[in-house]
């Protein structure tokens, strides 16, 4: 298995909302309307910015208060990293747009 995929699938890792213009408004629009988000694993060399299709059935917005910029979003999605299909699982704090995440092979 690829070393990066293996490392990110062992334990939780620090993440932040990634993409071209990370903001609370963009993150909300991407989750709710577009269905495609970017998550950046920050503890890799240079950071690993991943784009993924949001799995709306496994994503939980019940604790998210976008209008108040508070709460936690649990988001999951699938992608291919280094030719390996993975599921990304992330919990993101809306006040900082940071959180923790991991991959499931």
N, C-alpha and C. Protein backbone atom coordinates (compact mmCIF):
# COMPACT_ATOMS: atom_id res chain seq x y z
N UNK A 1 0.84 -1.18 0.00
CA UNK A 1 0.00 0.00 0.00
C UNK A 1 0.89 1.25 0.00
N UNK A 2 0.39 2.28 -0.59
CA UNK A 2 1.10 3.56 -0.64
C UNK A 2 1.34 4.09 0.77
N UNK A 3 2.56 4.64 1.01
CA UNK A 3 2.96 5.11 2.34
C UNK A 3 2.06 6.23 2.86
N UNK A 4 1.70 7.19 2.00
CA UNK A 4 0.84 8.30 2.41
C UNK A 4 -0.55 7.80 2.80
N UNK A 5 -1.13 6.94 1.99
CA UNK A 5 -2.46 6.40 2.29
C UNK A 5 -2.41 5.61 3.60
N UNK A 6 -1.37 4.82 3.77
CA UNK A 6 -1.24 4.03 4.99
C UNK A 6 -1.13 4.93 6.22
N UNK A 7 -0.32 5.97 6.12
CA UNK A 7 -0.13 6.88 7.26
C UNK A 7 -1.43 7.59 7.62
N UNK A 8 -2.16 8.08 6.61
CA UNK A 8 -3.39 8.83 6.88
C UNK A 8 -4.56 7.93 7.29
N UNK A 9 -4.38 6.62 7.14
CA UNK A 9 -5.44 5.70 7.57
C UNK A 9 -5.17 5.13 8.96
N UNK A 10 -4.11 5.60 9.61
CA UNK A 10 -3.79 5.15 10.97
C UNK A 10 -3.95 6.31 11.94
N UNK A 11 -4.99 6.28 12.75
CA UNK A 11 -5.24 7.34 13.73
C UNK A 11 -5.83 8.58 13.10
N UNK A 12 -6.08 9.59 13.93
CA UNK A 12 -6.62 10.87 13.46
C UNK A 12 -5.49 11.84 13.21
N UNK A 13 -5.72 12.75 12.26
CA UNK A 13 -4.70 13.71 11.86
C UNK A 13 -5.30 15.11 11.80
N UNK A 14 -4.48 16.14 12.03
CA UNK A 14 -5.00 17.52 11.92
C UNK A 14 -5.36 17.85 10.47
N UNK A 15 -6.50 18.52 10.33
CA UNK A 15 -6.96 18.93 8.99
C UNK A 15 -7.47 20.36 9.06
N UNK A 16 -7.65 20.93 7.89
CA UNK A 16 -8.30 22.22 7.74
C UNK A 16 -9.12 22.18 6.46
N UNK A 17 -10.05 23.10 6.32
CA UNK A 17 -10.79 23.20 5.08
C UNK A 17 -9.82 23.70 4.01
N UNK A 18 -9.76 23.00 2.90
CA UNK A 18 -8.83 23.34 1.84
C UNK A 18 -9.55 23.95 0.65
N UNK A 19 -8.88 23.91 -0.48
CA UNK A 19 -9.46 24.43 -1.70
C UNK A 19 -8.91 25.77 -2.08
N UNK A 20 -9.39 26.32 -3.20
CA UNK A 20 -8.84 27.58 -3.71
C UNK A 20 -9.10 28.79 -2.82
N UNK A 21 -10.28 28.89 -2.22
CA UNK A 21 -10.62 30.04 -1.35
C UNK A 21 -11.36 29.54 -0.12
N UNK A 22 -10.65 28.93 0.83
CA UNK A 22 -11.35 28.39 2.00
C UNK A 22 -12.01 29.48 2.84
N UNK A 23 -13.29 29.34 3.05
CA UNK A 23 -14.04 30.26 3.91
C UNK A 23 -15.26 29.49 4.42
N UNK A 24 -15.86 30.00 5.47
CA UNK A 24 -17.05 29.36 6.02
C UNK A 24 -18.17 29.34 4.98
N UNK A 25 -18.36 30.44 4.28
CA UNK A 25 -19.43 30.52 3.27
C UNK A 25 -19.20 29.53 2.14
N UNK A 26 -17.96 29.44 1.67
CA UNK A 26 -17.64 28.51 0.58
C UNK A 26 -17.82 27.07 1.05
N UNK A 27 -17.37 26.77 2.26
CA UNK A 27 -17.50 25.42 2.81
C UNK A 27 -18.97 25.01 2.90
N UNK A 28 -19.82 25.90 3.40
CA UNK A 28 -21.25 25.61 3.51
C UNK A 28 -21.86 25.37 2.13
N UNK A 29 -21.54 26.22 1.18
CA UNK A 29 -22.09 26.07 -0.18
C UNK A 29 -21.64 24.76 -0.80
N UNK A 30 -20.37 24.42 -0.59
CA UNK A 30 -19.84 23.19 -1.18
C UNK A 30 -20.51 21.95 -0.56
N UNK A 31 -20.74 21.96 0.74
CA UNK A 31 -21.39 20.81 1.38
C UNK A 31 -22.85 20.70 0.96
N UNK A 32 -23.58 21.80 1.05
CA UNK A 32 -25.03 21.75 0.88
C UNK A 32 -25.48 21.82 -0.58
N UNK A 33 -24.78 22.55 -1.43
CA UNK A 33 -25.25 22.76 -2.80
C UNK A 33 -24.44 21.99 -3.84
N UNK A 34 -23.12 22.10 -3.76
CA UNK A 34 -22.26 21.52 -4.79
C UNK A 34 -22.00 20.03 -4.53
N UNK A 35 -21.83 19.66 -3.25
CA UNK A 35 -21.58 18.26 -2.92
C UNK A 35 -20.15 17.82 -3.15
N UNK A 36 -19.23 18.79 -3.18
CA UNK A 36 -17.81 18.49 -3.40
C UNK A 36 -17.00 19.45 -2.56
N UNK A 37 -16.14 18.92 -1.67
CA UNK A 37 -15.35 19.77 -0.77
C UNK A 37 -13.87 19.43 -0.87
N UNK A 38 -13.07 20.29 -0.27
CA UNK A 38 -11.63 20.08 -0.16
C UNK A 38 -11.25 20.02 1.32
N UNK A 39 -10.47 19.00 1.66
CA UNK A 39 -9.94 18.83 3.02
C UNK A 39 -8.43 18.76 2.89
N UNK A 40 -7.74 19.50 3.75
CA UNK A 40 -6.28 19.50 3.71
C UNK A 40 -5.73 18.86 4.99
N UNK A 41 -4.98 17.78 4.82
CA UNK A 41 -4.25 17.17 5.92
C UNK A 41 -2.99 18.00 6.10
N UNK A 42 -2.86 18.68 7.23
CA UNK A 42 -1.81 19.68 7.40
C UNK A 42 -0.49 19.12 7.91
N UNK A 43 -0.47 17.90 8.43
CA UNK A 43 0.75 17.36 9.03
C UNK A 43 1.58 16.51 8.06
N UNK A 44 1.30 16.62 6.77
CA UNK A 44 2.13 15.92 5.78
C UNK A 44 3.09 16.94 5.18
N UNK A 45 4.11 16.48 4.50
CA UNK A 45 5.10 17.39 3.91
C UNK A 45 4.40 18.30 2.89
N UNK A 46 4.28 19.58 3.22
CA UNK A 46 3.62 20.52 2.33
C UNK A 46 2.11 20.50 2.41
N UNK A 47 1.55 19.58 3.18
CA UNK A 47 0.09 19.46 3.27
C UNK A 47 -0.45 18.64 2.12
N UNK A 48 -1.53 17.92 2.36
CA UNK A 48 -2.17 17.10 1.33
C UNK A 48 -3.60 17.58 1.18
N UNK A 49 -3.88 18.28 0.09
CA UNK A 49 -5.20 18.85 -0.18
C UNK A 49 -5.98 17.85 -1.03
N UNK A 50 -7.07 17.34 -0.48
CA UNK A 50 -7.87 16.32 -1.17
C UNK A 50 -9.24 16.88 -1.52
N UNK A 51 -9.68 16.63 -2.73
CA UNK A 51 -11.04 16.95 -3.14
C UNK A 51 -11.87 15.69 -3.08
N UNK A 52 -13.10 15.80 -2.56
CA UNK A 52 -13.93 14.60 -2.44
C UNK A 52 -15.41 14.90 -2.62
N UNK A 53 -16.09 13.91 -3.16
CA UNK A 53 -17.54 13.94 -3.30
C UNK A 53 -18.14 13.70 -1.92
N UNK A 54 -19.03 14.59 -1.48
CA UNK A 54 -19.64 14.47 -0.16
C UNK A 54 -20.66 13.33 -0.17
N UNK A 55 -20.55 12.44 0.81
CA UNK A 55 -21.53 11.38 1.02
C UNK A 55 -22.59 11.96 1.96
N UNK A 56 -23.68 12.44 1.39
CA UNK A 56 -24.71 13.14 2.17
C UNK A 56 -25.37 12.24 3.21
N UNK A 57 -25.40 10.94 2.96
CA UNK A 57 -26.02 10.01 3.92
C UNK A 57 -25.17 9.85 5.18
N UNK A 58 -23.85 10.01 5.05
CA UNK A 58 -22.95 9.82 6.20
C UNK A 58 -22.48 11.15 6.79
N UNK A 59 -22.86 12.24 6.18
CA UNK A 59 -22.47 13.57 6.67
C UNK A 59 -23.53 14.04 7.66
N UNK A 60 -23.08 14.63 8.77
CA UNK A 60 -23.98 15.06 9.84
C UNK A 60 -23.81 16.55 10.10
N UNK A 61 -24.86 17.31 9.82
CA UNK A 61 -24.85 18.76 10.02
C UNK A 61 -25.69 19.18 11.22
N UNK A 62 -26.14 18.23 12.02
CA UNK A 62 -27.03 18.57 13.15
C UNK A 62 -26.39 19.48 14.18
N UNK A 63 -25.07 19.41 14.34
CA UNK A 63 -24.39 20.26 15.32
C UNK A 63 -23.78 21.50 14.66
N UNK A 64 -24.05 21.70 13.38
CA UNK A 64 -23.47 22.82 12.64
C UNK A 64 -24.40 24.03 12.67
N UNK A 65 -23.84 25.18 13.03
CA UNK A 65 -24.58 26.44 13.03
C UNK A 65 -23.78 27.41 12.16
N UNK A 66 -23.96 27.28 10.85
CA UNK A 66 -23.18 28.08 9.90
C UNK A 66 -23.39 29.57 10.10
N UNK A 67 -24.63 29.98 10.36
CA UNK A 67 -24.93 31.41 10.50
C UNK A 67 -24.23 32.03 11.71
N UNK A 68 -23.90 31.22 12.70
CA UNK A 68 -23.21 31.70 13.90
C UNK A 68 -21.73 31.31 13.91
N UNK A 69 -21.28 30.63 12.87
CA UNK A 69 -19.89 30.16 12.75
C UNK A 69 -19.46 29.35 13.98
N UNK A 70 -20.34 28.41 14.37
CA UNK A 70 -19.98 27.56 15.51
C UNK A 70 -20.56 26.17 15.29
N UNK A 71 -20.01 25.23 16.04
CA UNK A 71 -20.47 23.86 15.95
C UNK A 71 -19.49 22.99 15.16
N UNK A 72 -19.87 21.73 15.04
CA UNK A 72 -19.02 20.73 14.39
C UNK A 72 -19.77 20.13 13.20
N UNK A 73 -19.06 19.98 12.10
CA UNK A 73 -19.58 19.28 10.93
C UNK A 73 -18.86 17.94 10.84
N UNK A 74 -19.60 16.86 10.77
CA UNK A 74 -19.02 15.55 10.48
C UNK A 74 -19.28 15.29 9.01
N UNK A 75 -18.22 15.17 8.25
CA UNK A 75 -18.37 14.99 6.81
C UNK A 75 -17.57 13.77 6.36
N UNK A 76 -18.15 13.03 5.42
CA UNK A 76 -17.48 11.88 4.84
C UNK A 76 -17.64 11.94 3.33
N UNK A 77 -16.66 11.37 2.66
CA UNK A 77 -16.72 11.32 1.21
C UNK A 77 -15.70 10.35 0.66
N UNK A 78 -15.86 10.04 -0.61
CA UNK A 78 -14.97 9.07 -1.25
C UNK A 78 -14.11 9.77 -2.29
N UNK A 79 -12.91 9.21 -2.46
CA UNK A 79 -11.97 9.74 -3.45
C UNK A 79 -10.93 8.68 -3.74
N UNK A 80 -10.09 8.95 -4.70
CA UNK A 80 -8.96 8.09 -5.02
C UNK A 80 -7.69 8.86 -4.73
N UNK A 81 -6.83 8.29 -3.89
CA UNK A 81 -5.55 8.91 -3.54
C UNK A 81 -4.44 7.95 -3.94
N UNK A 82 -3.58 8.41 -4.82
CA UNK A 82 -2.47 7.57 -5.30
C UNK A 82 -2.97 6.21 -5.79
N UNK A 83 -4.06 6.23 -6.59
CA UNK A 83 -4.66 5.05 -7.22
C UNK A 83 -5.35 4.11 -6.25
N UNK A 84 -5.59 4.56 -5.03
CA UNK A 84 -6.26 3.73 -4.02
C UNK A 84 -7.57 4.40 -3.63
N UNK A 85 -8.68 3.65 -3.71
CA UNK A 85 -9.98 4.20 -3.31
C UNK A 85 -10.04 4.27 -1.80
N UNK A 86 -10.42 5.44 -1.29
CA UNK A 86 -10.50 5.66 0.16
C UNK A 86 -11.75 6.46 0.50
N UNK A 87 -12.13 6.37 1.76
CA UNK A 87 -13.18 7.21 2.32
C UNK A 87 -12.49 8.15 3.29
N UNK A 88 -12.78 9.43 3.17
CA UNK A 88 -12.24 10.43 4.09
C UNK A 88 -13.31 10.73 5.13
N UNK A 89 -12.93 10.68 6.40
CA UNK A 89 -13.83 10.97 7.51
C UNK A 89 -13.24 12.16 8.26
N UNK A 90 -14.04 13.23 8.41
CA UNK A 90 -13.51 14.45 9.02
C UNK A 90 -14.55 15.09 9.94
N UNK A 91 -14.05 15.66 11.04
CA UNK A 91 -14.86 16.48 11.94
C UNK A 91 -14.24 17.86 11.95
N UNK A 92 -15.04 18.85 11.56
CA UNK A 92 -14.51 20.21 11.37
C UNK A 92 -15.26 21.19 12.25
N UNK A 93 -14.49 21.98 13.01
CA UNK A 93 -15.03 23.02 13.87
C UNK A 93 -15.29 24.26 13.00
N UNK A 94 -16.51 24.73 12.97
CA UNK A 94 -16.86 25.85 12.09
C UNK A 94 -16.25 27.17 12.52
N UNK A 95 -15.89 27.33 13.78
CA UNK A 95 -15.31 28.60 14.22
C UNK A 95 -13.88 28.77 13.70
N UNK A 96 -13.19 27.68 13.48
CA UNK A 96 -11.79 27.76 13.03
C UNK A 96 -11.56 27.14 11.65
N UNK A 97 -12.52 26.35 11.18
CA UNK A 97 -12.39 25.56 9.94
C UNK A 97 -11.25 24.55 10.04
N UNK A 98 -10.90 24.15 11.26
CA UNK A 98 -9.90 23.12 11.51
C UNK A 98 -10.57 21.95 12.20
N UNK A 99 -9.87 20.82 12.22
CA UNK A 99 -10.41 19.66 12.90
C UNK A 99 -9.49 18.48 12.79
N UNK A 100 -10.09 17.29 12.80
CA UNK A 100 -9.32 16.06 12.67
C UNK A 100 -9.99 15.17 11.62
N UNK A 101 -9.17 14.31 11.02
CA UNK A 101 -9.70 13.41 10.01
C UNK A 101 -8.78 12.24 9.78
N UNK A 102 -9.28 11.29 9.03
CA UNK A 102 -8.51 10.10 8.68
C UNK A 102 -9.10 9.48 7.43
N UNK A 103 -8.36 8.54 6.86
CA UNK A 103 -8.82 7.81 5.68
C UNK A 103 -9.15 6.38 6.06
N UNK A 104 -10.13 5.80 5.34
CA UNK A 104 -10.47 4.39 5.47
C UNK A 104 -10.27 3.79 4.09
N UNK A 105 -9.40 2.79 4.00
CA UNK A 105 -9.11 2.14 2.71
C UNK A 105 -10.25 1.19 2.38
